[in-house]
């Protein structure tokens, strides 16, 4: 292989390495497919916690969250309520939404 062939081979190898590295290092931005649509006319709720997730005693501050889990049969919703004092789970809820019940 002559010098021109070696340069072409090296350039192709660099493109392959950069392509693989780019695919491994560059991740697509995640866009949530949530069920909640914000109402632009609604009044915002007061931020009572002020991002202070520490409580001095049990049952002073509880936090909740809901997660949507897609399944073959439809969607599964998991909701948990935690006590900020010790992170204890106060309650968990599960609910399902079957595909045949969903409308567009």
PDB file of N, CA and C in Angstrom:
ATOM      1  N   UNK A   1       0.863  -1.176   0.000  1.00  0.00           N
ATOM      2  CA  UNK A   1       0.000   0.000   0.000  1.00  0.00           C
ATOM      3  C   UNK A   1       0.904   1.232   0.000  1.00  0.00           C
ATOM      4  N   UNK A   2       0.636   2.170  -0.910  1.00  0.00           N
ATOM      5  CA  UNK A   2       1.430   3.381  -1.018  1.00  0.00           C
ATOM      6  C   UNK A   2       1.053   4.384   0.055  1.00  0.00           C
ATOM      7  N   UNK A   3       1.765   5.524   0.105  1.00  0.00           N
ATOM      8  CA  UNK A   3       1.484   6.541   1.127  1.00  0.00           C
ATOM      9  C   UNK A   3       0.077   7.105   1.028  1.00  0.00           C
ATOM     10  N   UNK A   4      -0.437   7.258  -0.176  1.00  0.00           N
ATOM     11  CA  UNK A   4      -1.805   7.788  -0.327  1.00  0.00           C
ATOM     12  C   UNK A   4      -2.835   6.803   0.222  1.00  0.00           C
ATOM     13  N   UNK A   5      -2.600   5.524  -0.024  1.00  0.00           N
ATOM     14  CA  UNK A   5      -3.503   4.492   0.484  1.00  0.00           C
ATOM     15  C   UNK A   5      -3.468   4.423   2.004  1.00  0.00           C
ATOM     16  N   UNK A   6      -2.277   4.592   2.573  1.00  0.00           N
ATOM     17  CA  UNK A   6      -2.150   4.584   4.037  1.00  0.00           C
ATOM     18  C   UNK A   6      -2.877   5.766   4.655  1.00  0.00           C
ATOM     19  N   UNK A   7      -2.745   6.952   4.001  1.00  0.00           N
ATOM     20  CA  UNK A   7      -3.446   8.143   4.524  1.00  0.00           C
ATOM     21  C   UNK A   7      -4.961   7.961   4.446  1.00  0.00           C
ATOM     22  N   UNK A   8      -5.450   7.391   3.356  1.00  0.00           N
ATOM     23  CA  UNK A   8      -6.890   7.157   3.213  1.00  0.00           C
ATOM     24  C   UNK A   8      -7.361   6.151   4.260  1.00  0.00           C
ATOM     25  N   UNK A   9      -6.559   5.097   4.462  1.00  0.00           N
ATOM     26  CA  UNK A   9      -6.910   4.086   5.461  1.00  0.00           C
ATOM     27  C   UNK A   9      -6.921   4.703   6.865  1.00  0.00           C
ATOM     28  N   UNK A  10      -5.936   5.544   7.178  1.00  0.00           N
ATOM     29  CA  UNK A  10      -5.861   6.200   8.484  1.00  0.00           C
ATOM     30  C   UNK A  10      -7.039   7.150   8.670  1.00  0.00           C
ATOM     31  N   UNK A  11      -7.390   7.888   7.630  1.00  0.00           N
ATOM     32  CA  UNK A  11      -8.524   8.813   7.722  1.00  0.00           C
ATOM     33  C   UNK A  11      -9.823   8.056   7.973  1.00  0.00           C
ATOM     34  N   UNK A  12     -10.001   6.917   7.278  1.00  0.00           N
ATOM     35  CA  UNK A  12     -11.204   6.110   7.486  1.00  0.00           C
ATOM     36  C   UNK A  12     -11.235   5.561   8.908  1.00  0.00           C
ATOM     37  N   UNK A  13     -10.094   5.115   9.411  1.00  0.00           N
ATOM     38  CA  UNK A  13     -10.013   4.589  10.772  1.00  0.00           C
ATOM     39  C   UNK A  13     -10.346   5.672  11.794  1.00  0.00           C
ATOM     40  N   UNK A  14      -9.870   6.895  11.579  1.00  0.00           N
ATOM     41  CA  UNK A  14     -10.185   8.005  12.487  1.00  0.00           C
ATOM     42  C   UNK A  14     -11.674   8.327  12.459  1.00  0.00           C
ATOM     43  N   UNK A  15     -12.265   8.302  11.269  1.00  0.00           N
ATOM     44  CA  UNK A  15     -13.717   8.554  11.188  1.00  0.00           C
ATOM     45  C   UNK A  15     -14.485   7.478  11.939  1.00  0.00           C
ATOM     46  N   UNK A  16     -14.045   6.229  11.814  1.00  0.00           N
ATOM     47  CA  UNK A  16     -14.721   5.139  12.531  1.00  0.00           C
ATOM     48  C   UNK A  16     -14.597   5.320  14.031  1.00  0.00           C
ATOM     49  N   UNK A  17     -13.391   5.651  14.508  1.00  0.00           N
ATOM     50  CA  UNK A  17     -13.178   5.842  15.946  1.00  0.00           C
ATOM     51  C   UNK A  17     -14.005   7.015  16.454  1.00  0.00           C
ATOM     52  N   UNK A  18     -13.991   8.120  15.731  1.00  0.00           N
ATOM     53  CA  UNK A  18     -14.774   9.282  16.156  1.00  0.00           C
ATOM     54  C   UNK A  18     -16.260   8.979  16.129  1.00  0.00           C
ATOM     55  N   UNK A  19     -16.690   8.212  15.150  1.00  0.00           N
ATOM     56  CA  UNK A  19     -18.108   7.846  15.080  1.00  0.00           C
ATOM     57  C   UNK A  19     -18.531   7.023  16.278  1.00  0.00           C
ATOM     58  N   UNK A  20     -17.722   6.023  16.627  1.00  0.00           N
ATOM     59  CA  UNK A  20     -18.042   5.174  17.771  1.00  0.00           C
ATOM     60  C   UNK A  20     -17.956   5.979  19.065  1.00  0.00           C
ATOM     61  N   UNK A  21     -16.905   6.790  19.205  1.00  0.00           N
ATOM     62  CA  UNK A  21     -16.767   7.603  20.410  1.00  0.00           C
ATOM     63  C   UNK A  21     -17.923   8.579  20.535  1.00  0.00           C
ATOM     64  N   UNK A  22     -18.300   9.172  19.420  1.00  0.00           N
ATOM     65  CA  UNK A  22     -19.416  10.115  19.446  1.00  0.00           C
ATOM     66  C   UNK A  22     -20.713   9.449  19.852  1.00  0.00           C
ATOM     67  N   UNK A  23     -20.918   8.228  19.387  1.00  0.00           N
ATOM     68  CA  UNK A  23     -22.139   7.511  19.745  1.00  0.00           C
ATOM     69  C   UNK A  23     -22.141   7.139  21.225  1.00  0.00           C
ATOM     70  N   UNK A  24     -20.967   6.817  21.771  1.00  0.00           N
ATOM     71  CA  UNK A  24     -20.898   6.434  23.177  1.00  0.00           C
ATOM     72  C   UNK A  24     -20.992   7.634  24.108  1.00  0.00           C
ATOM     73  N   UNK A  25     -20.410   8.763  23.686  1.00  0.00           N
ATOM     74  CA  UNK A  25     -20.314   9.911  24.582  1.00  0.00           C
ATOM     75  C   UNK A  25     -21.475  10.889  24.433  1.00  0.00           C
ATOM     76  N   UNK A  26     -22.035  11.010  23.267  1.00  0.00           N
ATOM     77  CA  UNK A  26     -23.101  11.968  23.063  1.00  0.00           C
ATOM     78  C   UNK A  26     -24.440  11.271  23.199  1.00  0.00           C
ATOM     79  N   UNK A  27     -25.180  11.654  24.192  1.00  0.00           N
ATOM     80  CA  UNK A  27     -26.488  11.058  24.417  1.00  0.00           C
ATOM     81  C   UNK A  27     -27.559  12.027  23.963  1.00  0.00           C
ATOM     82  N   UNK A  28     -28.634  11.476  23.458  1.00  0.00           N
ATOM     83  CA  UNK A  28     -29.752  12.311  23.050  1.00  0.00           C
ATOM     84  C   UNK A  28     -30.419  12.899  24.285  1.00  0.00           C
ATOM     85  N   UNK A  29     -30.950  14.084  24.134  1.00  0.00           N
ATOM     86  CA  UNK A  29     -31.678  14.695  25.244  1.00  0.00           C
ATOM     87  C   UNK A  29     -32.956  13.912  25.497  1.00  0.00           C
ATOM     88  N   UNK A  30     -33.278  13.735  26.770  1.00  0.00           N
ATOM     89  CA  UNK A  30     -34.478  13.033  27.165  1.00  0.00           C
ATOM     90  C   UNK A  30     -35.647  14.012  27.198  1.00  0.00           C
ATOM     91  N   UNK A  31     -36.710  13.658  26.532  1.00  0.00           N
ATOM     92  CA  UNK A  31     -37.918  14.475  26.547  1.00  0.00           C
ATOM     93  C   UNK A  31     -39.021  13.652  27.207  1.00  0.00           C
ATOM     94  N   UNK A  32     -39.448  14.094  28.352  1.00  0.00           N
ATOM     95  CA  UNK A  32     -40.478  13.371  29.090  1.00  0.00           C
ATOM     96  C   UNK A  32     -41.776  13.338  28.295  1.00  0.00           C
ATOM     97  N   UNK A  33     -42.444  12.217  28.373  1.00  0.00           N
ATOM     98  CA  UNK A  33     -43.738  12.062  27.722  1.00  0.00           C
ATOM     99  C   UNK A  33     -44.795  12.008  28.815  1.00  0.00           C
ATOM    100  N   UNK A  34     -44.831  13.032  29.624  1.00  0.00           N
ATOM    101  CA  UNK A  34     -45.711  13.061  30.781  1.00  0.00           C
ATOM    102  C   UNK A  34     -47.174  13.210  30.417  1.00  0.00           C
ATOM    103  N   UNK A  35     -48.003  12.980  31.407  1.00  0.00           N
ATOM    104  CA  UNK A  35     -49.440  13.072  31.199  1.00  0.00           C
ATOM    105  C   UNK A  35     -49.987  14.429  31.633  1.00  0.00           C
ATOM    106  N   UNK A  36     -49.186  15.208  32.314  1.00  0.00           N
ATOM    107  CA  UNK A  36     -49.646  16.485  32.826  1.00  0.00           C
ATOM    108  C   UNK A  36     -49.358  17.592  31.821  1.00  0.00           C
ATOM    109  N   UNK A  37     -50.345  18.390  31.539  1.00  0.00           N
ATOM    110  CA  UNK A  37     -50.174  19.556  30.673  1.00  0.00           C
ATOM    111  C   UNK A  37     -50.403  20.795  31.534  1.00  0.00           C
ATOM    112  N   UNK A  38     -49.431  21.685  31.520  1.00  0.00           N
ATOM    113  CA  UNK A  38     -49.516  22.885  32.345  1.00  0.00           C
ATOM    114  C   UNK A  38     -50.603  23.817  31.821  1.00  0.00           C
ATOM    115  N   UNK A  39     -51.322  24.406  32.743  1.00  0.00           N
ATOM    116  CA  UNK A  39     -52.334  25.401  32.399  1.00  0.00           C
ATOM    117  C   UNK A  39     -51.688  26.773  32.562  1.00  0.00           C
ATOM    118  N   UNK A  40     -51.453  27.492  31.457  1.00  0.00           N
ATOM    119  CA  UNK A  40     -50.761  28.779  31.564  1.00  0.00           C
ATOM    120  C   UNK A  40     -51.535  29.827  32.358  1.00  0.00           C
ATOM    121  N   UNK A  41     -52.834  29.637  32.527  1.00  0.00           N
ATOM    122  CA  UNK A  41     -53.628  30.617  33.259  1.00  0.00           C
ATOM    123  C   UNK A  41     -53.744  30.278  34.750  1.00  0.00           C
ATOM    124  N   UNK A  42     -53.277  29.096  35.149  1.00  0.00           N
ATOM    125  CA  UNK A  42     -53.413  28.667  36.544  1.00  0.00           C
ATOM    126  C   UNK A  42     -52.414  29.398  37.436  1.00  0.00           C
ATOM    127  N   UNK A  43     -52.822  29.637  38.671  1.00  0.00           N
ATOM    128  CA  UNK A  43     -51.948  30.281  39.646  1.00  0.00           C
ATOM    129  C   UNK A  43     -50.965  29.243  40.188  1.00  0.00           C
ATOM    130  N   UNK A  44     -49.694  29.592  40.273  1.00  0.00           N
ATOM    131  CA  UNK A  44     -48.674  28.684  40.786  1.00  0.00           C
ATOM    132  C   UNK A  44     -48.868  28.465  42.281  1.00  0.00           C
ATOM    133  N   UNK A  45     -48.633  27.242  42.725  1.00  0.00           N
ATOM    134  CA  UNK A  45     -48.736  26.926  44.151  1.00  0.00           C
ATOM    135  C   UNK A  45     -47.542  27.499  44.900  1.00  0.00           C
ATOM    136  N   UNK A  46     -47.753  27.768  46.167  1.00  0.00           N
ATOM    137  CA  UNK A  46     -46.677  28.282  47.011  1.00  0.00           C
ATOM    138  C   UNK A  46     -45.665  27.166  47.288  1.00  0.00           C
ATOM    139  N   UNK A  47     -44.378  27.484  47.251  1.00  0.00           N
ATOM    140  CA  UNK A  47     -43.319  26.521  47.509  1.00  0.00           C
ATOM    141  C   UNK A  47     -43.066  26.465  49.018  1.00  0.00           C
ATOM    142  N   UNK A  48     -43.771  25.588  49.705  1.00  0.00           N
ATOM    143  CA  UNK A  48     -43.697  25.519  51.163  1.00  0.00           C
ATOM    144  C   UNK A  48     -42.402  24.872  51.653  1.00  0.00           C
ATOM    145  N   UNK A  49     -41.845  23.947  50.910  1.00  0.00           N
ATOM    146  CA  UNK A  49     -40.643  23.222  51.336  1.00  0.00           C
ATOM    147  C   UNK A  49     -39.383  24.043  51.086  1.00  0.00           C
ATOM    148  N   UNK A  50     -39.354  24.853  50.039  1.00  0.00           N
ATOM    149  CA  UNK A  50     -38.179  25.661  49.679  1.00  0.00           C
ATOM    150  C   UNK A  50     -36.921  24.797  49.499  1.00  0.00           C
ATOM    151  N   UNK A  51     -37.086  23.593  48.943  1.00  0.00           N
ATOM    152  CA  UNK A  51     -35.997  22.643  48.681  1.00  0.00           C
ATOM    153  C   UNK A  51     -35.235  22.254  49.955  1.00  0.00           C
ATOM    154  N   UNK A  52     -35.855  22.386  51.106  1.00  0.00           N
ATOM    155  CA  UNK A  52     -35.271  21.931  52.369  1.00  0.00           C
ATOM    156  C   UNK A  52     -35.948  20.604  52.709  1.00  0.00           C
ATOM    157  N   UNK A  53     -35.288  19.492  52.365  1.00  0.00           N
ATOM    158  CA  UNK A  53     -35.878  18.175  52.499  1.00  0.00           C
ATOM    159  C   UNK A  53     -35.459  17.479  53.795  1.00  0.00           C
ATOM    160  N   UNK A  54     -35.166  18.268  54.811  1.00  0.00           N
ATOM    161  CA  UNK A  54     -34.789  17.724  56.112  1.00  0.00           C
ATOM    162  C   UNK A  54     -35.875  18.095  57.114  1.00  0.00           C
ATOM    163  N   UNK A  55     -36.275  17.121  57.924  1.00  0.00           N
ATOM    164  CA  UNK A  55     -37.284  17.364  58.962  1.00  0.00           C
ATOM    165  C   UNK A  55     -36.676  17.035  60.327  1.00  0.00           C
ATOM    166  N   UNK A  56     -37.044  17.806  61.336  1.00  0.00           N
ATOM    167  CA  UNK A  56     -36.515  17.614  62.685  1.00  0.00           C
ATOM    168  C   UNK A  56     -37.196  16.465  63.416  1.00  0.00           C
ATOM    169  N   UNK A  57     -38.396  16.104  62.993  1.00  0.00           N
ATOM    170  CA  UNK A  57     -39.149  15.038  63.652  1.00  0.00           C
ATOM    171  C   UNK A  57     -39.997  14.309  62.609  1.00  0.00           C
ATOM    172  N   UNK A  58     -40.428  13.101  62.934  1.00  0.00           N
ATOM    173  CA  UNK A  58     -41.292  12.368  61.999  1.00  0.00           C
ATOM    174  C   UNK A  58     -42.610  13.101  61.739  1.00  0.00           C
ATOM    175  N   UNK A  59     -43.163  12.881  60.572  1.00  0.00           N
ATOM    176  CA  UNK A  59     -44.477  13.391  60.151  1.00  0.00           C
ATOM    177  C   UNK A  59     -44.546  14.910  60.042  1.00  0.00           C
ATOM    178  N   UNK A  60     -43.419  15.592  59.892  1.00  0.00           N
ATOM    179  CA  UNK A  60     -43.435  17.035  59.654  1.00  0.00           C
ATOM    180  C   UNK A  60     -43.513  17.342  58.157  1.00  0.00           C
ATOM    181  N   UNK A  61     -42.737  16.601  57.354  1.00  0.00           N
ATOM    182  CA  UNK A  61     -42.708  16.815  55.908  1.00  0.00           C
ATOM    183  C   UNK A  61     -42.782  15.474  55.199  1.00  0.00           C
ATOM    184  N   UNK A  62     -43.725  15.391  54.283  1.00  0.00           N
ATOM    185  CA  UNK A  62     -43.843  14.210  53.435  1.00  0.00           C
ATOM    186  C   UNK A  62     -43.662  14.660  51.994  1.00  0.00           C
ATOM    187  N   UNK A  63     -43.048  13.803  51.211  1.00  0.00           N
ATOM    188  CA  UNK A  63     -42.868  14.066  49.785  1.00  0.00           C
ATOM    189  C   UNK A  63     -43.511  12.948  48.991  1.00  0.00           C
ATOM    190  N   UNK A  64     -44.032  13.291  47.835  1.00  0.00           N
ATOM    191  CA  UNK A  64     -44.641  12.290  46.981  1.00  0.00           C
ATOM    192  C   UNK A  64     -44.177  12.436  45.546  1.00  0.00           C
ATOM    193  N   UNK A  65     -44.240  11.336  44.813  1.00  0.00           N
ATOM    194  CA  UNK A  65     -43.871  11.344  43.407  1.00  0.00           C
ATOM    195  C   UNK A  65     -44.658  10.247  42.709  1.00  0.00           C
ATOM    196  N   UNK A  66     -44.845  10.419  41.419  1.00  0.00           N
ATOM    197  CA  UNK A  66     -45.534   9.414  40.616  1.00  0.00           C
ATOM    198  C   UNK A  66     -44.678   9.111  39.406  1.00  0.00           C
ATOM    199  N   UNK A  67     -44.597   7.837  39.050  1.00  0.00           N
ATOM    200  CA  UNK A  67     -43.796   7.377  37.924  1.00  0.00           C
ATOM    201  C   UNK A  67     -44.669   6.550  37.006  1.00  0.00           C
ATOM    202  N   UNK A  68     -44.549   6.797  35.712  1.00  0.00           N
ATOM    203  CA  UNK A  68     -45.271   6.036  34.697  1.00  0.00           C
ATOM    204  C   UNK A  68     -44.330   4.983  34.122  1.00  0.00           C
ATOM    205  N   UNK A  69     -44.767   3.718  34.122  1.00  0.00           N
ATOM    206  CA  UNK A  69     -43.959   2.622  33.603  1.00  0.00           C
ATOM    207  C   UNK A  69     -44.717   1.982  32.452  1.00  0.00           C
ATOM    208  N   UNK A  70     -44.204   2.126  31.208  1.00  0.00           N
ATOM    209  CA  UNK A  70     -44.898   1.500  30.078  1.00  0.00           C
ATOM    210  C   UNK A  70     -44.718  -0.020  30.107  1.00  0.00           C
ATOM    211  N   UNK A  71     -45.792  -0.759  29.854  1.00  0.00           N
ATOM    212  CA  UNK A  71     -45.748  -2.216  29.784  1.00  0.00           C
ATOM    213  C   UNK A  71     -46.448  -2.666  28.510  1.00  0.00           C
ATOM    214  N   UNK A  72     -46.370  -3.944  28.207  1.00  0.00           N
ATOM    215  CA  UNK A  72     -47.013  -4.484  27.005  1.00  0.00           C
ATOM    216  C   UNK A  72     -48.530  -4.349  27.087  1.00  0.00           C
ATOM    217  N   UNK A  73     -49.094  -4.411  28.286  1.00  0.00           N
ATOM    218  CA  UNK A  73     -50.547  -4.342  28.459  1.00  0.00           C
ATOM    219  C   UNK A  73     -51.085  -2.930  28.615  1.00  0.00           C
ATOM    220  N   UNK A  74     -50.242  -1.967  28.769  1.00  0.00           N
ATOM    221  CA  UNK A  74     -50.676  -0.594  28.994  1.00  0.00           C
ATOM    222  C   UNK A  74     -49.660   0.114  29.874  1.00  0.00           C
ATOM    223  N   UNK A  75     -50.128   1.030  30.690  1.00  0.00           N
ATOM    224  CA  UNK A  75     -49.240   1.802  31.559  1.00  0.00           C
ATOM    225  C   UNK A  75     -49.471   1.425  33.012  1.00  0.00           C
ATOM    226  N   UNK A  76     -48.372   1.372  33.751  1.00  0.00           N
ATOM    227  CA  UNK A  76     -48.423   1.123  35.185  1.00  0.00           C
ATOM    228  C   UNK A  76     -47.949   2.394  35.870  1.00  0.00           C
ATOM    229  N   UNK A  77     -48.701   2.849  36.847  1.00  0.00           N
ATOM    230  CA  UNK A  77     -48.336   4.051  37.593  1.00  0.00           C
ATOM    231  C   UNK A  77     -47.960   3.649  39.010  1.00  0.00           C
ATOM    232  N   UNK A  78     -46.813   4.149  39.466  1.00  0.00           N
ATOM    233  CA  UNK A  78     -46.340   3.895  40.820  1.00  0.00           C
ATOM    234  C   UNK A  78     -46.212   5.232  41.524  1.00  0.00           C
ATOM    235  N   UNK A  79     -46.816   5.320  42.699  1.00  0.00           N
ATOM    236  CA  UNK A  79     -46.738   6.543  43.487  1.00  0.00           C
ATOM    237  C   UNK A  79     -46.240   6.180  44.883  1.00  0.00           C
ATOM    238  N   UNK A  80     -45.321   6.976  45.394  1.00  0.00           N
ATOM    239  CA  UNK A  80     -44.791   6.726  46.731  1.00  0.00           C
ATOM    240  C   UNK A  80     -44.840   8.015  47.542  1.00  0.00           C
ATOM    241  N   UNK A  81     -45.039   7.867  48.844  1.00  0.00           N
ATOM    242  CA  UNK A  81     -45.012   8.989  49.775  1.00  0.00           C
ATOM    243  C   UNK A  81     -43.938   8.680  50.809  1.00  0.00           C
ATOM    244  N   UNK A  82     -42.975   9.598  50.959  1.00  0.00           N
ATOM    245  CA  UNK A  82     -41.848   9.403  51.876  1.00  0.00           C
ATOM    246  C   UNK A  82     -41.843  10.468  52.962  1.00  0.00           C
ATOM    247  N   UNK A  83     -41.385  10.071  54.156  1.00  0.00           N
ATOM    248  CA  UNK A  83     -41.211  10.998  55.268  1.00  0.00           C
ATOM    249  C   UNK A  83     -39.801  11.588  55.174  1.00  0.00           C
ATOM    250  N   UNK A  84     -39.676  12.899  55.171  1.00  0.00           N
ATOM    251  CA  UNK A  84     -38.366  13.556  55.053  1.00  0.00           C
ATOM    252  C   UNK A  84     -37.483  13.320  56.272  1.00  0.00           C
ATOM    253  N   UNK A  85     -38.049  12.953  57.400  1.00  0.00           N
ATOM    254  CA  UNK A  85     -37.260  12.764  58.622  1.00  0.00           C
ATOM    255  C   UNK A  85     -36.246  11.628  58.459  1.00  0.00           C
ATOM    256  N   UNK A  86     -36.719  10.464  58.017  1.00  0.00           N
ATOM    257  CA  UNK A  86     -35.834   9.302  57.912  1.00  0.00           C
ATOM    258  C   UNK A  86     -35.926   8.596  56.561  1.00  0.00           C
ATOM    259  N   UNK A  87     -36.689   9.153  55.633  1.00  0.00           N
ATOM    260  CA  UNK A  87     -36.824   8.540  54.315  1.00  0.00           C
ATOM    261  C   UNK A  87     -37.727   7.322  54.308  1.00  0.00           C
ATOM    262  N   UNK A  88     -38.456   7.114  55.389  1.00  0.00           N
ATOM    263  CA  UNK A  88     -39.345   5.955  55.470  1.00  0.00           C
ATOM    264  C   UNK A  88     -40.485   6.099  54.468  1.00  0.00           C
ATOM    265  N   UNK A  89     -40.816   4.983  53.847  1.00  0.00           N
ATOM    266  CA  UNK A  89     -41.945   4.986  52.914  1.00  0.00           C
ATOM    267  C   UNK A  89     -43.228   4.942  53.729  1.00  0.00           C
ATOM    268  N   UNK A  90     -44.042   5.962  53.562  1.00  0.00           N
ATOM    269  CA  UNK A  90     -45.293   6.034  54.309  1.00  0.00           C
ATOM    270  C   UNK A  90     -46.388   5.228  53.606  1.00  0.00           C
ATOM    271  N   UNK A  91     -46.388   5.295  52.264  1.00  0.00           N
ATOM    272  CA  UNK A  91     -47.436   4.626  51.500  1.00  0.00           C
ATOM    273  C   UNK A  91     -46.967   4.458  50.068  1.00  0.00           C
ATOM    274  N   UNK A  92     -47.441   3.419  49.407  1.00  0.00           N
ATOM    275  CA  UNK A  92     -47.195   3.213  47.982  1.00  0.00           C
ATOM    276  C   UNK A  92     -48.519   2.868  47.316  1.00  0.00           C
ATOM    277  N   UNK A  93     -48.665   3.314  46.101  1.00  0.00           N
ATOM    278  CA  UNK A  93     -49.886   3.050  45.357  1.00  0.00           C
ATOM    279  C   UNK A  93     -49.515   2.558  43.967  1.00  0.00           C
ATOM    280  N   UNK A  94     -50.285   1.618  43.453  1.00  0.00           N
ATOM    281  CA  UNK A  94     -50.124   1.142  42.095  1.00  0.00           C
ATOM    282  C   UNK A  94     -51.447   1.300  41.372  1.00  0.00           C
ATOM    283  N   UNK A  95     -51.383   1.668  40.120  1.00  0.00           N
ATOM    284  CA  UNK A  95     -52.582   1.740  39.301  1.00  0.00           C
ATOM    285  C   UNK A  95     -52.192   1.372  37.880  1.00  0.00           C
ATOM    286  N   UNK A  96     -53.102   0.760  37.158  1.00  0.00           N
ATOM    287  CA  UNK A  96     -52.819   0.394  35.774  1.00  0.00           C
ATOM    288  C   UNK A  96     -53.827   1.062  34.854  1.00  0.00           C
ATOM    289  N   UNK A  97     -53.397   1.274  33.644  1.00  0.00           N
ATOM    290  CA  UNK A  97     -54.262   1.801  32.602  1.00  0.00           C
ATOM    291  C   UNK A  97     -54.064   0.903  31.401  1.00  0.00           C
ATOM    292  N   UNK A  98     -55.045   0.082  31.085  1.00  0.00           N
ATOM    293  CA  UNK A  98     -54.943  -0.875  29.986  1.00  0.00           C
ATOM    294  C   UNK A  98     -55.008  -0.152  28.642  1.00  0.00           C
ATOM    295  N   UNK A  99     -54.339  -0.722  27.647  1.00  0.00           N
ATOM    296  CA  UNK A  99     -54.322  -0.107  26.317  1.00  0.00           C
ATOM    297  C   UNK A  99     -55.728   0.030  25.744  1.00  0.00           C
ATOM    298  N   UNK A 100     -56.566  -0.965  25.970  1.00  0.00           N
ATOM    299  CA  UNK A 100     -57.909  -0.897  25.387  1.00  0.00           C
ATOM    300  C   UNK A 100     -58.779   0.190  26.020  1.00  0.00           C
ATOM    301  N   UNK A 101     -58.382   0.706  27.183  1.00  0.00           N
ATOM    302  CA  UNK A 101     -59.128   1.786  27.835  1.00  0.00           C
ATOM    303  C   UNK A 101     -58.636   3.171  27.437  1.00  0.00           C
ATOM    304  N   UNK A 102     -57.480   3.232  26.771  1.00  0.00           N
ATOM    305  CA  UNK A 102     -56.881   4.521  26.438  1.00  0.00           C
ATOM    306  C   UNK A 102     -57.484   5.069  25.144  1.00  0.00           C
ATOM    307  N   UNK A 103     -57.648   6.394  25.106  1.00  0.00           N
ATOM    308  CA  UNK A 103     -58.116   7.057  23.898  1.00  0.00           C
ATOM    309  C   UNK A 103     -57.114   8.115  23.502  1.00  0.00           C
ATOM    310  N   UNK A 104     -57.115   8.460  22.246  1.00  0.00           N
ATOM    311  CA  UNK A 104     -56.177   9.486  21.780  1.00  0.00           C
ATOM    312  C   UNK A 104     -56.835  10.829  21.732  1.00  0.00           C
TER     313      UNK A 104
END
